[in-house]
C-alpha atoms as a PDB file:
ATOM      1  CA  MET A   1     113.425 101.330  84.693  1.00  0.00           C
ATOM      2  CA  PRO A   2     112.004 104.642  83.462  1.00  0.00           C
ATOM      3  CA  LEU A   3     109.436 104.172  80.710  1.00  0.00           C
ATOM      4  CA  ASP A   4     109.011 106.539  77.790  1.00  0.00           C
ATOM      5  CA  ARG A   5     105.928 107.009  75.610  1.00  0.00           C
ATOM      6  CA  ILE A   6     107.010 104.240  73.188  1.00  0.00           C
ATOM      7  CA  ASP A   7     107.470 101.714  76.016  1.00  0.00           C
ATOM      8  CA  ILE A   8     104.056 102.640  77.361  1.00  0.00           C
ATOM      9  CA  ALA A   9     102.484 102.295  73.914  1.00  0.00           C
ATOM     10  CA  ILE A  10     104.032  98.811  73.625  1.00  0.00           C
ATOM     11  CA  LEU A  11     102.718  97.817  77.071  1.00  0.00           C
ATOM     12  CA  GLU A  12      99.217  99.153  76.401  1.00  0.00           C
ATOM     13  CA  ALA A  13      99.056  97.326  73.054  1.00  0.00           C
ATOM     14  CA  LEU A  14     100.201  94.060  74.620  1.00  0.00           C
ATOM     15  CA  GLN A  15      97.681  94.350  77.458  1.00  0.00           C
ATOM     16  CA  LYS A  16      94.931  94.508  74.837  1.00  0.00           C
ATOM     17  CA  ASP A  17      96.428  91.736  72.692  1.00  0.00           C
ATOM     18  CA  GLY A  18      99.314  89.770  74.182  1.00  0.00           C
ATOM     19  CA  ARG A  19      99.512  87.647  71.023  1.00  0.00           C
ATOM     20  CA  MET A  20     100.137  90.605  68.718  1.00  0.00           C
ATOM     21  CA  PRO A  21     102.937  89.738  66.262  1.00  0.00           C
ATOM     22  CA  ASN A  22     106.067  91.906  66.459  1.00  0.00           C
ATOM     23  CA  ALA A  23     105.425  93.346  62.984  1.00  0.00           C
ATOM     24  CA  ALA A  24     101.943  94.571  63.969  1.00  0.00           C
ATOM     25  CA  LEU A  25     103.231  95.876  67.312  1.00  0.00           C
ATOM     26  CA  ALA A  26     106.079  97.751  65.632  1.00  0.00           C
ATOM     27  CA  GLU A  27     103.678  99.359  63.169  1.00  0.00           C
ATOM     28  CA  LYS A  28     101.250 100.303  65.939  1.00  0.00           C
ATOM     29  CA  VAL A  29     103.919 102.087  68.004  1.00  0.00           C
ATOM     30  CA  GLY A  30     105.808 103.580  65.058  1.00  0.00           C
ATOM     31  CA  LEU A  31     109.066 101.614  65.245  1.00  0.00           C
ATOM     32  CA  SER A  32     111.000  99.308  62.961  1.00  0.00           C
ATOM     33  CA  GLN A  33     110.535  95.621  63.751  1.00  0.00           C
ATOM     34  CA  SER A  34     114.102  95.297  65.066  1.00  0.00           C
ATOM     35  CA  ALA A  35     113.804  98.376  67.315  1.00  0.00           C
ATOM     36  CA  CYS A  36     110.453  97.120  68.638  1.00  0.00           C
ATOM     37  CA  SER A  37     111.936  93.691  69.302  1.00  0.00           C
ATOM     38  CA  ARG A  38     114.859  95.246  71.247  1.00  0.00           C
ATOM     39  CA  ARG A  39     112.504  97.345  73.370  1.00  0.00           C
ATOM     40  CA  LEU A  40     110.289  94.354  74.043  1.00  0.00           C
ATOM     41  CA  ASP A  41     113.338  92.319  75.056  1.00  0.00           C
ATOM     42  CA  ASN A  42     114.434  95.117  77.437  1.00  0.00           C
ATOM     43  CA  LEU A  43     110.942  95.299  78.982  1.00  0.00           C
ATOM     44  CA  GLU A  44     111.016  91.542  79.571  1.00  0.00           C
ATOM     45  CA  LYS A  45     114.587  91.447  80.961  1.00  0.00           C
ATOM     46  CA  SER A  46     113.942  94.377  83.307  1.00  0.00           C
ATOM     47  CA  GLY A  47     110.870  92.625  84.744  1.00  0.00           C
ATOM     48  CA  VAL A  48     108.337  95.200  83.551  1.00  0.00           C
ATOM     49  CA  ILE A  49     106.776  92.379  81.517  1.00  0.00           C
ATOM     50  CA  ARG A  50     106.634  89.399  83.874  1.00  0.00           C
ATOM     51  CA  GLY A  51     105.165  86.950  81.371  1.00  0.00           C
ATOM     52  CA  TYR A  52     102.384  86.229  78.923  1.00  0.00           C
ATOM     53  CA  HIS A  53      99.247  84.268  79.660  1.00  0.00           C
ATOM     54  CA  ALA A  54      95.688  83.619  78.597  1.00  0.00           C
ATOM     55  CA  GLN A  55      93.125  85.397  80.763  1.00  0.00           C
ATOM     56  CA  LEU A  56      90.607  82.684  81.573  1.00  0.00           C
ATOM     57  CA  SER A  57      86.995  83.131  82.597  1.00  0.00           C
ATOM     58  CA  ASN A  58      86.380  81.488  85.964  1.00  0.00           C
ATOM     59  CA  ALA A  59      82.632  81.526  85.259  1.00  0.00           C
ATOM     60  CA  ALA A  60      83.095  79.737  81.923  1.00  0.00           C
ATOM     61  CA  LEU A  61      85.207  77.134  83.737  1.00  0.00           C
ATOM     62  CA  GLY A  62      82.410  76.532  86.244  1.00  0.00           C
ATOM     63  CA  HIS A  63      83.686  78.754  89.064  1.00  0.00           C
ATOM     64  CA  ARG A  64      80.826  81.234  89.206  1.00  0.00           C
ATOM     65  CA  MET A  65      81.536  82.524  92.715  1.00  0.00           C
ATOM     66  CA  THR A  66      84.314  84.865  93.843  1.00  0.00           C
ATOM     67  CA  VAL A  67      84.978  85.017  97.561  1.00  0.00           C
ATOM     68  CA  ILE A  68      87.127  87.616  99.306  1.00  0.00           C
ATOM     69  CA  VAL A  69      88.553  86.112 102.483  1.00  0.00           C
ATOM     70  CA  HIS A  70      90.244  87.987 105.331  1.00  0.00           C
ATOM     71  CA  ILE A  71      92.570  85.830 107.430  1.00  0.00           C
ATOM     72  CA  SER A  72      94.084  86.474 110.854  1.00  0.00           C
ATOM     73  CA  LEU A  73      97.038  84.432 112.061  1.00  0.00           C
ATOM     74  CA  SER A  74      98.240  83.630 115.561  1.00  0.00           C
ATOM     75  CA  GLY A  75     101.295  85.845 115.074  1.00  0.00           C
ATOM     76  CA  GLN A  76     103.495  87.574 112.541  1.00  0.00           C
ATOM     77  CA  PHE A  77     106.716  85.690 113.106  1.00  0.00           C
ATOM     78  CA  GLU A  78     108.653  84.879 109.920  1.00  0.00           C
ATOM     79  CA  LYS A  79     108.106  81.132 110.396  1.00  0.00           C
ATOM     80  CA  THR A  80     104.357  81.645 110.902  1.00  0.00           C
ATOM     81  CA  LEU A  81     104.040  83.737 107.741  1.00  0.00           C
ATOM     82  CA  SER A  82     106.194  81.360 105.686  1.00  0.00           C
ATOM     83  CA  GLU A  83     104.230  78.277 106.718  1.00  0.00           C
ATOM     84  CA  PHE A  84     100.898  79.967 105.982  1.00  0.00           C
ATOM     85  CA  GLU A  85     102.101  81.268 102.600  1.00  0.00           C
ATOM     86  CA  ALA A  86     103.372  77.818 101.595  1.00  0.00           C
ATOM     87  CA  ALA A  87      99.938  76.346 102.389  1.00  0.00           C
ATOM     88  CA  VAL A  88      98.161  79.080 100.397  1.00  0.00           C
ATOM     89  CA  LYS A  89     100.260  78.271  97.323  1.00  0.00           C
ATOM     90  CA  ARG A  90      99.041  74.657  97.390  1.00  0.00           C
ATOM     91  CA  CYS A  91      95.326  75.530  97.214  1.00  0.00           C
ATOM     92  CA  PRO A  92      94.271  75.632  93.529  1.00  0.00           C
ATOM     93  CA  ASN A  93      91.180  77.778  94.183  1.00  0.00           C
ATOM     94  CA  ILE A  94      93.117  80.722  95.619  1.00  0.00           C
ATOM     95  CA  LEU A  95      93.584  83.248  92.820  1.00  0.00           C
ATOM     96  CA  SER A  96      95.515  85.863  94.777  1.00  0.00           C
ATOM     97  CA  CYS A  97      96.889  86.378  98.265  1.00  0.00           C
ATOM     98  CA  HIS A  98      98.172  89.588  99.828  1.00  0.00           C
ATOM     99  CA  LEU A  99      99.962  90.182 103.122  1.00  0.00           C
ATOM    100  CA  MET A 100      98.190  93.181 104.649  1.00  0.00           C
ATOM    101  CA  SER A 101      98.600  95.865 107.245  1.00  0.00           C
ATOM    102  CA  GLY A 102      95.633  96.589 109.488  1.00  0.00           C
ATOM    103  CA  GLU A 103      93.109  94.335 111.171  1.00  0.00           C
ATOM    104  CA  TYR A 104      93.705  91.188 109.079  1.00  0.00           C
ATOM    105  CA  ASP A 105      97.005  89.581 108.135  1.00  0.00           C
ATOM    106  CA  TYR A 106      96.029  88.376 104.647  1.00  0.00           C
ATOM    107  CA  ILE A 107      93.366  88.908 102.015  1.00  0.00           C
ATOM    108  CA  LEU A 108      92.638  86.063  99.587  1.00  0.00           C
ATOM    109  CA  ARG A 109      90.575  86.004  96.401  1.00  0.00           C
ATOM    110  CA  ILE A 110      89.060  82.575  95.869  1.00  0.00           C
ATOM    111  CA  ALA A 111      87.137  81.031  92.949  1.00  0.00           C
ATOM    112  CA  ALA A 112      84.400  78.537  93.846  1.00  0.00           C
ATOM    113  CA  LYS A 113      81.752  76.734  91.808  1.00  0.00           C
ATOM    114  CA  ASP A 114      78.995  77.557  94.275  1.00  0.00           C
ATOM    115  CA  LEU A 115      78.327  77.899  97.997  1.00  0.00           C
ATOM    116  CA  GLN A 116      78.750  74.165  98.574  1.00  0.00           C
ATOM    117  CA  ASP A 117      82.116  74.220  96.822  1.00  0.00           C
ATOM    118  CA  TYR A 118      83.227  77.186  98.943  1.00  0.00           C
ATOM    119  CA  GLU A 119      82.182  75.293 102.072  1.00  0.00           C
ATOM    120  CA  ARG A 120      84.453  72.446 100.913  1.00  0.00           C
ATOM    121  CA  ILE A 121      87.360  74.869 100.280  1.00  0.00           C
ATOM    122  CA  HIS A 122      86.771  76.454 103.693  1.00  0.00           C
ATOM    123  CA  LYS A 123      86.738  73.118 105.475  1.00  0.00           C
ATOM    124  CA  GLU A 124      89.474  71.272 103.555  1.00  0.00           C
ATOM    125  CA  TRP A 125      91.857  74.142 102.922  1.00  0.00           C
ATOM    126  CA  LEU A 126      91.326  77.351 104.867  1.00  0.00           C
ATOM    127  CA  THR A 127      90.668  75.950 108.342  1.00  0.00           C
ATOM    128  CA  ALA A 128      93.490  73.430 107.837  1.00  0.00           C
ATOM    129  CA  MET A 129      96.104  76.090 107.073  1.00  0.00           C
ATOM    130  CA  PRO A 130      98.691  76.602 109.789  1.00  0.00           C
ATOM    131  CA  HIS A 131      98.313  79.410 112.335  1.00  0.00           C
ATOM    132  CA  VAL A 132      94.851  80.587 111.179  1.00  0.00           C
ATOM    133  CA  THR A 133      92.814  82.026 114.060  1.00  0.00           C
ATOM    134  CA  LYS A 134      90.069  83.924 112.197  1.00  0.00           C
ATOM    135  CA  ILE A 135      88.434  83.662 108.759  1.00  0.00           C
ATOM    136  CA  ASN A 136      86.032  86.304 107.445  1.00  0.00           C
ATOM    137  CA  SER A 137      84.408  85.587 104.067  1.00  0.00           C
ATOM    138  CA  SER A 138      82.609  88.022 101.758  1.00  0.00           C
ATOM    139  CA  PHE A 139      80.895  86.972  98.550  1.00  0.00           C
ATOM    140  CA  ALA A 140      81.291  89.137  95.451  1.00  0.00           C
ATOM    141  CA  LEU A 141      77.962  89.937  93.835  1.00  0.00           C
ATOM    142  CA  ARG A 142      79.412  91.227  90.557  1.00  0.00           C
ATOM    143  CA  GLU A 143      82.856  91.935  89.133  1.00  0.00           C
ATOM    144  CA  ILE A 144      83.184  95.508  87.934  1.00  0.00           C
ATOM    145  CA  ILE A 145      86.826  95.541  86.845  1.00  0.00           C
ATOM    146  CA  ASP A 146      89.794  93.175  86.964  1.00  0.00           C
ATOM    147  CA  ARG A 147      92.933  94.839  85.655  1.00  0.00           C
ATOM    148  CA  THR A 148      96.295  93.170  85.334  1.00  0.00           C
ATOM    149  CA  ALA A 149      98.209  96.467  85.758  1.00  0.00           C
ATOM    150  CA  ALA A 150      97.626 100.083  86.704  1.00  0.00           C
ATOM    151  CA  GLY A 151      97.288 102.773  84.040  1.00  0.00           C
ATOM    152  CA  MET A 152     100.589 104.079  82.720  1.00  0.00           C
ATOM    153  CA  LYS A 153     101.916 107.531  81.999  1.00  0.00           C
ATOM    154  CA  PRO A 154     105.386 108.380  80.708  1.00  0.00           C
ATOM    155  CA  GLU A 155     107.831 109.801  83.231  1.00  0.00           C
ATOM    156  CA  LEU A 156     108.596 113.389  82.466  1.00  0.00           C
ATOM    157  CA  ALA A 157     112.283 114.244  82.385  1.00  0.00           C
END
């Protein structure tokens, strides 16, 4: 779906305040409330807006450690990938998981309370996942940026 400058203005406003009422959003982007509501509905139906959520602080919830984990599997057969991905989805500490090209098959981002908690996650979850042959863990020292979407520019016709 090509986005114009109004769509992008709506998306940027919602990224800053996902709870913004339609009236305030319409005023901010220079539309009537009904036109803004229609555009918002189109952005949702087209999948540009995948949902709304509260962005929680892992540190405030007691998970002060972020671990980036590189995983190698025994193969890249569809069954192998599917079984591993199903196991990943069951682990509540895994924040994101990406199938990769290159040296490792997957990269995970994991929230842990501390080093002891990560050791528990490693032992109870990661090493127990099917087809895992190698685990490489790196500990984030500081988060610099955590965006939910890339910057947007209108498509030029």
